[in-house]
Amino acid sequence: MNIQDELTIPERLGAPTPRLFKTVRVIGITVAAVAGALIGVKAQGIALPAGIEFFAQKAYILAGAVAALVSQLTVDVKAYQKANALR
């Protein structure tokens, strides 16, 4: 059986993440942060174009959060096996 099928969510969160998905995680967090900043600007009473406001409220926060979560749950199996070989 494949080791990825046996890992639980807490084990996945603590396992090493592949380099590509670390980059995707950082981009996702950045997108969510920018969306949060745009919502903060809107809350201060500064007018934003309708398209930017829509994406900041809906798409960017959701896309950023999903990208960060999926990237964190991805496991670098070789690094995981090497780290757990001594246990």
C-alpha atoms as a PDB file:
ATOM      1  CA  MET A   1       0.000   0.000   0.000  1.00  0.00           C
ATOM      2  CA  ASN A   2       1.130   3.561  -0.693  1.00  0.00           C
ATOM      3  CA  ILE A   3       2.362   5.519   2.328  1.00  0.00           C
ATOM      4  CA  GLN A   4       0.345   8.570   1.255  1.00  0.00           C
ATOM      5  CA  ASP A   5      -2.845   6.569   1.709  1.00  0.00           C
ATOM      6  CA  GLU A   6      -1.908   5.785   5.305  1.00  0.00           C
ATOM      7  CA  LEU A   7      -1.056   9.303   6.528  1.00  0.00           C
ATOM      8  CA  THR A   8      -3.587  11.135   8.688  1.00  0.00           C
ATOM      9  CA  ILE A   9      -4.191  14.877   8.389  1.00  0.00           C
ATOM     10  CA  PRO A  10      -2.114  15.737  11.495  1.00  0.00           C
ATOM     11  CA  GLU A  11       0.748  13.618  10.118  1.00  0.00           C
ATOM     12  CA  ARG A  12       0.472  15.388   6.765  1.00  0.00           C
ATOM     13  CA  LEU A  13       0.576  18.806   8.422  1.00  0.00           C
ATOM     14  CA  GLY A  14       3.814  17.889  10.191  1.00  0.00           C
ATOM     15  CA  ALA A  15       5.425  16.142   7.233  1.00  0.00           C
ATOM     16  CA  PRO A  16       7.891  17.854   4.851  1.00  0.00           C
ATOM     17  CA  THR A  17       6.346  19.719   1.922  1.00  0.00           C
ATOM     18  CA  PRO A  18       7.794  19.539  -1.626  1.00  0.00           C
ATOM     19  CA  ARG A  19       9.520  22.681  -2.876  1.00  0.00           C
ATOM     20  CA  LEU A  20       6.908  23.426  -5.568  1.00  0.00           C
ATOM     21  CA  PHE A  21       4.087  23.312  -3.057  1.00  0.00           C
ATOM     22  CA  LYS A  22       5.995  25.537  -0.629  1.00  0.00           C
ATOM     23  CA  THR A  23       5.991  28.141  -3.382  1.00  0.00           C
ATOM     24  CA  VAL A  24       2.271  27.587  -4.047  1.00  0.00           C
ATOM     25  CA  ARG A  25       1.593  27.948  -0.292  1.00  0.00           C
ATOM     26  CA  VAL A  26       3.455  31.270  -0.134  1.00  0.00           C
ATOM     27  CA  ILE A  27       1.591  32.567  -3.190  1.00  0.00           C
ATOM     28  CA  GLY A  28      -1.745  31.469  -1.698  1.00  0.00           C
ATOM     29  CA  ILE A  29      -1.034  33.187   1.614  1.00  0.00           C
ATOM     30  CA  THR A  30       0.070  36.326  -0.240  1.00  0.00           C
ATOM     31  CA  VAL A  31      -3.095  36.387  -2.357  1.00  0.00           C
ATOM     32  CA  ALA A  32      -5.253  36.001   0.759  1.00  0.00           C
ATOM     33  CA  ALA A  33      -3.294  38.769   2.520  1.00  0.00           C
ATOM     34  CA  VAL A  34      -3.706  41.154  -0.417  1.00  0.00           C
ATOM     35  CA  ALA A  35      -7.433  40.418  -0.477  1.00  0.00           C
ATOM     36  CA  GLY A  36      -7.617  41.111   3.249  1.00  0.00           C
ATOM     37  CA  ALA A  37      -5.766  44.395   2.776  1.00  0.00           C
ATOM     38  CA  LEU A  38      -8.167  45.429   0.005  1.00  0.00           C
ATOM     39  CA  ILE A  39     -11.115  44.660   2.273  1.00  0.00           C
ATOM     40  CA  GLY A  40      -9.432  46.764   4.975  1.00  0.00           C
ATOM     41  CA  VAL A  41      -9.041  49.640   2.512  1.00  0.00           C
ATOM     42  CA  LYS A  42     -12.714  49.334   1.646  1.00  0.00           C
ATOM     43  CA  ALA A  43     -13.614  49.391   5.356  1.00  0.00           C
ATOM     44  CA  GLN A  44     -11.769  52.710   5.707  1.00  0.00           C
ATOM     45  CA  GLY A  45     -14.202  54.244   3.233  1.00  0.00           C
ATOM     46  CA  ILE A  46     -11.891  54.368   0.229  1.00  0.00           C
ATOM     47  CA  ALA A  47     -13.745  53.498  -2.948  1.00  0.00           C
ATOM     48  CA  LEU A  48     -12.496  50.558  -4.993  1.00  0.00           C
ATOM     49  CA  PRO A  49     -13.554  49.541  -8.499  1.00  0.00           C
ATOM     50  CA  ALA A  50     -16.391  46.992  -8.429  1.00  0.00           C
ATOM     51  CA  GLY A  51     -14.316  44.219 -10.002  1.00  0.00           C
ATOM     52  CA  ILE A  52     -11.492  44.539  -7.487  1.00  0.00           C
ATOM     53  CA  GLU A  53     -13.962  44.693  -4.615  1.00  0.00           C
ATOM     54  CA  PHE A  54     -15.758  41.546  -5.812  1.00  0.00           C
ATOM     55  CA  PHE A  55     -12.568  39.541  -6.203  1.00  0.00           C
ATOM     56  CA  ALA A  56     -11.205  40.760  -2.872  1.00  0.00           C
ATOM     57  CA  GLN A  57     -14.355  39.676  -1.069  1.00  0.00           C
ATOM     58  CA  LYS A  58     -14.962  36.365  -2.807  1.00  0.00           C
ATOM     59  CA  ALA A  59     -12.392  34.838  -5.079  1.00  0.00           C
ATOM     60  CA  TYR A  60      -9.037  35.945  -3.678  1.00  0.00           C
ATOM     61  CA  ILE A  61      -9.621  35.004  -0.050  1.00  0.00           C
ATOM     62  CA  LEU A  62     -11.063  31.618  -0.975  1.00  0.00           C
ATOM     63  CA  ALA A  63      -8.413  30.874  -3.611  1.00  0.00           C
ATOM     64  CA  GLY A  64      -5.596  31.916  -1.312  1.00  0.00           C
ATOM     65  CA  ALA A  65      -6.852  29.853   1.603  1.00  0.00           C
ATOM     66  CA  VAL A  66      -7.455  26.749  -0.525  1.00  0.00           C
ATOM     67  CA  ALA A  67      -4.044  27.000  -2.204  1.00  0.00           C
ATOM     68  CA  ALA A  68      -2.295  27.358   1.148  1.00  0.00           C
ATOM     69  CA  LEU A  69      -4.179  24.443   2.709  1.00  0.00           C
ATOM     70  CA  VAL A  70      -3.740  22.042  -0.204  1.00  0.00           C
ATOM     71  CA  SER A  71      -0.053  22.910  -0.425  1.00  0.00           C
ATOM     72  CA  GLN A  72       0.472  22.252   3.266  1.00  0.00           C
ATOM     73  CA  LEU A  73      -1.232  18.852   3.058  1.00  0.00           C
ATOM     74  CA  THR A  74       1.035  17.707   0.207  1.00  0.00           C
ATOM     75  CA  VAL A  75       3.804  15.421   1.460  1.00  0.00           C
ATOM     76  CA  ASP A  76       7.344  14.931   0.187  1.00  0.00           C
ATOM     77  CA  VAL A  77       7.315  11.150   0.613  1.00  0.00           C
ATOM     78  CA  LYS A  78      11.082  10.631   0.267  1.00  0.00           C
ATOM     79  CA  ALA A  79      11.868  13.271   2.902  1.00  0.00           C
ATOM     80  CA  TYR A  80       9.124  11.883   5.155  1.00  0.00           C
ATOM     81  CA  GLN A  81      10.483   8.360   4.906  1.00  0.00           C
ATOM     82  CA  LYS A  82      14.038   9.569   5.555  1.00  0.00           C
ATOM     83  CA  ALA A  83      12.919  11.574   8.614  1.00  0.00           C
ATOM     84  CA  ASN A  84      10.972   8.612  10.011  1.00  0.00           C
ATOM     85  CA  ALA A  85      13.563   5.932   9.218  1.00  0.00           C
ATOM     86  CA  LEU A  86      15.171   6.268  12.634  1.00  0.00           C
ATOM     87  CA  ARG A  87      11.926   6.015  14.592  1.00  0.00           C
END
